[in-house]
Amino acid sequence: MVNRRRTAILRLATHARETGLDVATGVLQQDEGGRWQLGSRDLLDWIGEHEGEELVLVVGSLADDRPVDVRTCGTCGRDYQDVECPTCRGNRMRLRGY
């Protein structure tokens, strides 16, 4: 069975990248010097690039296996289990020529 929460988290990251946001993914670990790494990125350096800015930091564990709630789209009325309604997203993409 597909882990829908993992899929939703990865789609959220994809949407963030598509809108030009800075996204980092990977295994979180602390090196011998005590610095935190996410994949190959040093987290202190990465966060330091945004010093003085108001940020939203979202953390999602891909190992999270809680069920994803079914939501109803306010536009088309279809049920979905994703970041946004896939039917309306597909229509927007098609109409905008992507």
N, C-alpha and C. Protein backbone atom coordinates (compact mmCIF):
# COMPACT_ATOMS: atom_id res chain seq x y z
N MET A 1 0.83 -1.19 0.00
CA MET A 1 0.00 0.00 0.00
C MET A 1 0.87 1.25 0.00
N VAL A 2 0.52 2.20 -0.78
CA VAL A 2 1.28 3.44 -0.89
C VAL A 2 1.07 4.27 0.37
N ASN A 3 2.16 4.81 0.90
CA ASN A 3 2.07 5.68 2.06
C ASN A 3 1.64 7.06 1.57
N ARG A 4 0.37 7.39 1.75
CA ARG A 4 -0.18 8.65 1.24
C ARG A 4 0.44 9.87 1.91
N ARG A 5 0.78 9.77 3.19
CA ARG A 5 1.39 10.91 3.87
C ARG A 5 2.75 11.21 3.26
N ARG A 6 3.54 10.20 3.00
CA ARG A 6 4.85 10.40 2.36
C ARG A 6 4.68 11.06 1.00
N THR A 7 3.72 10.58 0.23
CA THR A 7 3.44 11.15 -1.08
C THR A 7 3.02 12.60 -0.96
N ALA A 8 2.16 12.91 0.02
CA ALA A 8 1.70 14.28 0.21
C ALA A 8 2.85 15.20 0.60
N ILE A 9 3.76 14.71 1.44
CA ILE A 9 4.91 15.52 1.86
C ILE A 9 5.82 15.80 0.65
N LEU A 10 6.07 14.79 -0.16
CA LEU A 10 6.91 14.99 -1.34
C LEU A 10 6.26 15.92 -2.35
N ARG A 11 4.94 15.84 -2.49
CA ARG A 11 4.25 16.76 -3.40
C ARG A 11 4.31 18.18 -2.86
N LEU A 12 4.20 18.34 -1.55
CA LEU A 12 4.32 19.67 -0.94
C LEU A 12 5.70 20.25 -1.25
N ALA A 13 6.73 19.43 -1.15
CA ALA A 13 8.09 19.89 -1.47
C ALA A 13 8.20 20.26 -2.95
N THR A 14 7.56 19.48 -3.81
CA THR A 14 7.56 19.78 -5.25
C THR A 14 6.87 21.11 -5.52
N HIS A 15 5.72 21.33 -4.89
CA HIS A 15 5.01 22.60 -5.06
C HIS A 15 5.86 23.77 -4.58
N ALA A 16 6.55 23.57 -3.47
CA ALA A 16 7.42 24.63 -2.94
C ALA A 16 8.53 24.95 -3.93
N ARG A 17 9.15 23.93 -4.51
CA ARG A 17 10.20 24.15 -5.51
C ARG A 17 9.65 24.87 -6.73
N GLU A 18 8.45 24.46 -7.17
CA GLU A 18 7.83 25.08 -8.35
C GLU A 18 7.56 26.57 -8.14
N THR A 19 7.35 26.97 -6.91
CA THR A 19 7.10 28.39 -6.63
C THR A 19 8.39 29.13 -6.28
N GLY A 20 9.53 28.47 -6.45
CA GLY A 20 10.81 29.12 -6.26
C GLY A 20 11.30 29.16 -4.82
N LEU A 21 10.73 28.34 -3.95
CA LEU A 21 11.17 28.31 -2.56
C LEU A 21 12.39 27.41 -2.41
N ASP A 22 13.15 27.67 -1.37
CA ASP A 22 14.36 26.91 -1.07
C ASP A 22 13.96 25.68 -0.27
N VAL A 23 14.17 24.49 -0.84
CA VAL A 23 13.75 23.24 -0.22
C VAL A 23 14.97 22.34 -0.03
N ALA A 24 15.08 21.74 1.13
CA ALA A 24 16.16 20.79 1.38
C ALA A 24 15.55 19.46 1.80
N THR A 25 16.07 18.38 1.28
CA THR A 25 15.60 17.04 1.66
C THR A 25 16.80 16.15 1.93
N GLY A 26 16.59 15.14 2.71
CA GLY A 26 17.65 14.19 3.01
C GLY A 26 17.54 13.69 4.42
N VAL A 27 18.50 12.90 4.82
CA VAL A 27 18.54 12.34 6.17
C VAL A 27 19.19 13.37 7.10
N LEU A 28 18.54 13.64 8.21
CA LEU A 28 19.07 14.58 9.20
C LEU A 28 20.08 13.86 10.08
N GLN A 29 21.28 14.44 10.18
CA GLN A 29 22.31 13.86 11.04
C GLN A 29 23.23 14.95 11.56
N GLN A 30 23.88 14.63 12.64
CA GLN A 30 24.83 15.57 13.25
C GLN A 30 26.23 15.04 12.99
N ASP A 31 27.11 15.91 12.45
CA ASP A 31 28.47 15.46 12.15
C ASP A 31 29.32 15.45 13.42
N GLU A 32 30.57 15.05 13.26
CA GLU A 32 31.48 14.94 14.41
C GLU A 32 31.72 16.27 15.10
N GLY A 33 31.61 17.35 14.34
CA GLY A 33 31.82 18.69 14.90
C GLY A 33 30.57 19.26 15.54
N GLY A 34 29.48 18.51 15.55
CA GLY A 34 28.26 18.97 16.17
C GLY A 34 27.35 19.77 15.25
N ARG A 35 27.71 19.88 13.99
CA ARG A 35 26.87 20.63 13.04
C ARG A 35 25.84 19.72 12.43
N TRP A 36 24.64 20.26 12.24
CA TRP A 36 23.54 19.49 11.68
C TRP A 36 23.59 19.52 10.16
N GLN A 37 23.42 18.35 9.56
CA GLN A 37 23.40 18.20 8.11
C GLN A 37 22.05 17.61 7.70
N LEU A 38 21.50 18.13 6.62
CA LEU A 38 20.31 17.54 6.01
C LEU A 38 20.72 17.14 4.61
N GLY A 39 20.91 15.84 4.40
CA GLY A 39 21.51 15.39 3.16
C GLY A 39 22.93 15.91 3.12
N SER A 40 23.26 16.67 2.09
CA SER A 40 24.60 17.24 1.98
C SER A 40 24.65 18.70 2.41
N ARG A 41 23.52 19.26 2.85
CA ARG A 41 23.47 20.68 3.22
C ARG A 41 23.71 20.88 4.70
N ASP A 42 24.55 21.84 5.02
CA ASP A 42 24.77 22.25 6.40
C ASP A 42 23.61 23.15 6.81
N LEU A 43 22.84 22.73 7.80
CA LEU A 43 21.63 23.47 8.16
C LEU A 43 21.92 24.87 8.70
N LEU A 44 22.99 25.03 9.47
CA LEU A 44 23.30 26.36 10.01
C LEU A 44 23.64 27.34 8.89
N ASP A 45 24.40 26.89 7.91
CA ASP A 45 24.73 27.75 6.77
C ASP A 45 23.47 28.07 5.96
N TRP A 46 22.64 27.05 5.74
CA TRP A 46 21.42 27.21 4.95
C TRP A 46 20.46 28.20 5.62
N ILE A 47 20.24 28.02 6.91
CA ILE A 47 19.35 28.94 7.63
C ILE A 47 19.99 30.32 7.73
N GLY A 48 21.31 30.37 7.88
CA GLY A 48 22.01 31.64 7.96
C GLY A 48 21.86 32.50 6.71
N GLU A 49 21.63 31.86 5.56
CA GLU A 49 21.41 32.61 4.32
C GLU A 49 20.14 33.45 4.38
N HIS A 50 19.26 33.12 5.30
CA HIS A 50 17.97 33.81 5.41
C HIS A 50 17.89 34.66 6.68
N GLU A 51 19.03 35.00 7.23
CA GLU A 51 19.04 35.79 8.46
C GLU A 51 18.32 37.12 8.27
N GLY A 52 17.50 37.45 9.23
CA GLY A 52 16.75 38.70 9.20
C GLY A 52 15.42 38.61 8.45
N GLU A 53 15.15 37.48 7.80
CA GLU A 53 13.90 37.30 7.07
C GLU A 53 12.88 36.58 7.95
N GLU A 54 11.61 36.84 7.70
CA GLU A 54 10.56 36.08 8.38
C GLU A 54 10.35 34.81 7.58
N LEU A 55 10.46 33.66 8.23
CA LEU A 55 10.42 32.38 7.54
C LEU A 55 9.29 31.49 8.05
N VAL A 56 8.95 30.51 7.24
CA VAL A 56 8.10 29.40 7.65
C VAL A 56 8.95 28.16 7.44
N LEU A 57 9.16 27.41 8.49
CA LEU A 57 9.94 26.19 8.40
C LEU A 57 9.00 25.01 8.58
N VAL A 58 8.92 24.14 7.58
CA VAL A 58 8.05 22.98 7.63
C VAL A 58 8.92 21.74 7.67
N VAL A 59 8.67 20.87 8.64
CA VAL A 59 9.42 19.62 8.75
C VAL A 59 8.43 18.47 8.62
N GLY A 60 8.69 17.58 7.70
CA GLY A 60 7.85 16.41 7.52
C GLY A 60 8.69 15.16 7.44
N SER A 61 8.41 14.20 8.31
CA SER A 61 9.14 12.94 8.30
C SER A 61 8.53 12.02 7.26
N LEU A 62 9.35 11.51 6.37
CA LEU A 62 8.87 10.59 5.35
C LEU A 62 8.55 9.21 5.94
N ALA A 63 8.93 8.98 7.19
CA ALA A 63 8.61 7.73 7.87
C ALA A 63 7.25 7.80 8.58
N ASP A 64 6.61 8.95 8.55
CA ASP A 64 5.32 9.14 9.21
C ASP A 64 4.26 8.31 8.48
N ASP A 65 3.61 7.41 9.18
CA ASP A 65 2.64 6.54 8.53
C ASP A 65 1.21 6.78 9.00
N ARG A 66 0.95 7.94 9.60
CA ARG A 66 -0.43 8.26 9.99
C ARG A 66 -1.29 8.40 8.74
N PRO A 67 -2.57 8.07 8.83
CA PRO A 67 -3.44 8.22 7.66
C PRO A 67 -3.65 9.69 7.32
N VAL A 68 -3.84 9.95 6.04
CA VAL A 68 -4.10 11.31 5.56
C VAL A 68 -5.61 11.50 5.51
N ASP A 69 -6.09 12.61 6.03
CA ASP A 69 -7.52 12.90 6.01
C ASP A 69 -8.00 13.17 4.59
N VAL A 70 -9.20 12.72 4.32
CA VAL A 70 -9.84 13.00 3.04
C VAL A 70 -10.49 14.39 3.16
N ARG A 71 -10.22 15.23 2.17
CA ARG A 71 -10.81 16.57 2.14
C ARG A 71 -11.67 16.70 0.90
N THR A 72 -12.58 17.66 0.94
CA THR A 72 -13.44 17.93 -0.20
C THR A 72 -13.05 19.27 -0.79
N CYS A 73 -12.85 19.31 -2.09
CA CYS A 73 -12.45 20.53 -2.79
C CYS A 73 -13.61 21.53 -2.76
N GLY A 74 -13.31 22.74 -2.38
CA GLY A 74 -14.31 23.80 -2.35
C GLY A 74 -14.68 24.31 -3.73
N THR A 75 -13.88 23.97 -4.74
CA THR A 75 -14.15 24.43 -6.11
C THR A 75 -14.95 23.41 -6.91
N CYS A 76 -14.44 22.17 -6.97
CA CYS A 76 -15.10 21.16 -7.82
C CYS A 76 -15.92 20.15 -7.03
N GLY A 77 -15.74 20.10 -5.72
CA GLY A 77 -16.52 19.20 -4.88
C GLY A 77 -15.99 17.78 -4.80
N ARG A 78 -14.86 17.48 -5.44
CA ARG A 78 -14.31 16.13 -5.38
C ARG A 78 -13.53 15.92 -4.09
N ASP A 79 -13.50 14.68 -3.63
CA ASP A 79 -12.69 14.32 -2.47
C ASP A 79 -11.25 14.05 -2.92
N TYR A 80 -10.29 14.40 -2.06
CA TYR A 80 -8.87 14.17 -2.38
C TYR A 80 -8.07 14.00 -1.11
N GLN A 81 -6.90 13.41 -1.23
CA GLN A 81 -5.97 13.21 -0.11
C GLN A 81 -4.60 13.72 -0.53
N ASP A 82 -4.49 14.99 -0.72
CA ASP A 82 -3.25 15.56 -1.23
C ASP A 82 -3.09 16.96 -0.66
N VAL A 83 -2.07 17.65 -1.11
CA VAL A 83 -1.84 19.03 -0.71
C VAL A 83 -2.94 19.93 -1.26
N GLU A 84 -3.35 19.66 -2.49
CA GLU A 84 -4.43 20.40 -3.13
C GLU A 84 -5.20 19.45 -4.03
N CYS A 85 -6.34 19.87 -4.49
CA CYS A 85 -7.18 19.03 -5.34
C CYS A 85 -6.43 18.73 -6.64
N PRO A 86 -6.15 17.45 -6.93
CA PRO A 86 -5.40 17.13 -8.15
C PRO A 86 -6.18 17.44 -9.43
N THR A 87 -7.50 17.37 -9.37
CA THR A 87 -8.31 17.69 -10.56
C THR A 87 -8.18 19.17 -10.89
N CYS A 88 -8.37 20.02 -9.89
CA CYS A 88 -8.27 21.47 -10.13
C CYS A 88 -6.84 21.88 -10.48
N ARG A 89 -5.85 21.23 -9.85
CA ARG A 89 -4.45 21.53 -10.17
C ARG A 89 -4.17 21.17 -11.63
N GLY A 90 -4.63 19.99 -12.06
CA GLY A 90 -4.43 19.58 -13.45
C GLY A 90 -5.10 20.53 -14.42
N ASN A 91 -6.30 20.99 -14.08
CA ASN A 91 -7.00 21.94 -14.94
C ASN A 91 -6.26 23.27 -15.02
N ARG A 92 -5.75 23.75 -13.87
CA ARG A 92 -4.97 25.00 -13.88
C ARG A 92 -3.73 24.86 -14.73
N MET A 93 -3.02 23.75 -14.57
CA MET A 93 -1.81 23.51 -15.34
C MET A 93 -2.13 23.46 -16.83
N ARG A 94 -3.19 22.76 -17.19
CA ARG A 94 -3.59 22.63 -18.60
C ARG A 94 -3.97 23.99 -19.19
N LEU A 95 -4.75 24.75 -18.45
CA LEU A 95 -5.21 26.04 -18.95
C LEU A 95 -4.10 27.07 -19.04
N ARG A 96 -3.07 26.94 -18.20
CA ARG A 96 -1.95 27.87 -18.23
C ARG A 96 -0.87 27.45 -19.21
N GLY A 97 -1.05 26.26 -19.81
CA GLY A 97 -0.10 25.82 -20.84
C GLY A 97 1.15 25.16 -20.32
N TYR A 98 1.11 24.60 -19.12
CA TYR A 98 2.29 23.89 -18.58
C TYR A 98 2.34 22.48 -19.06
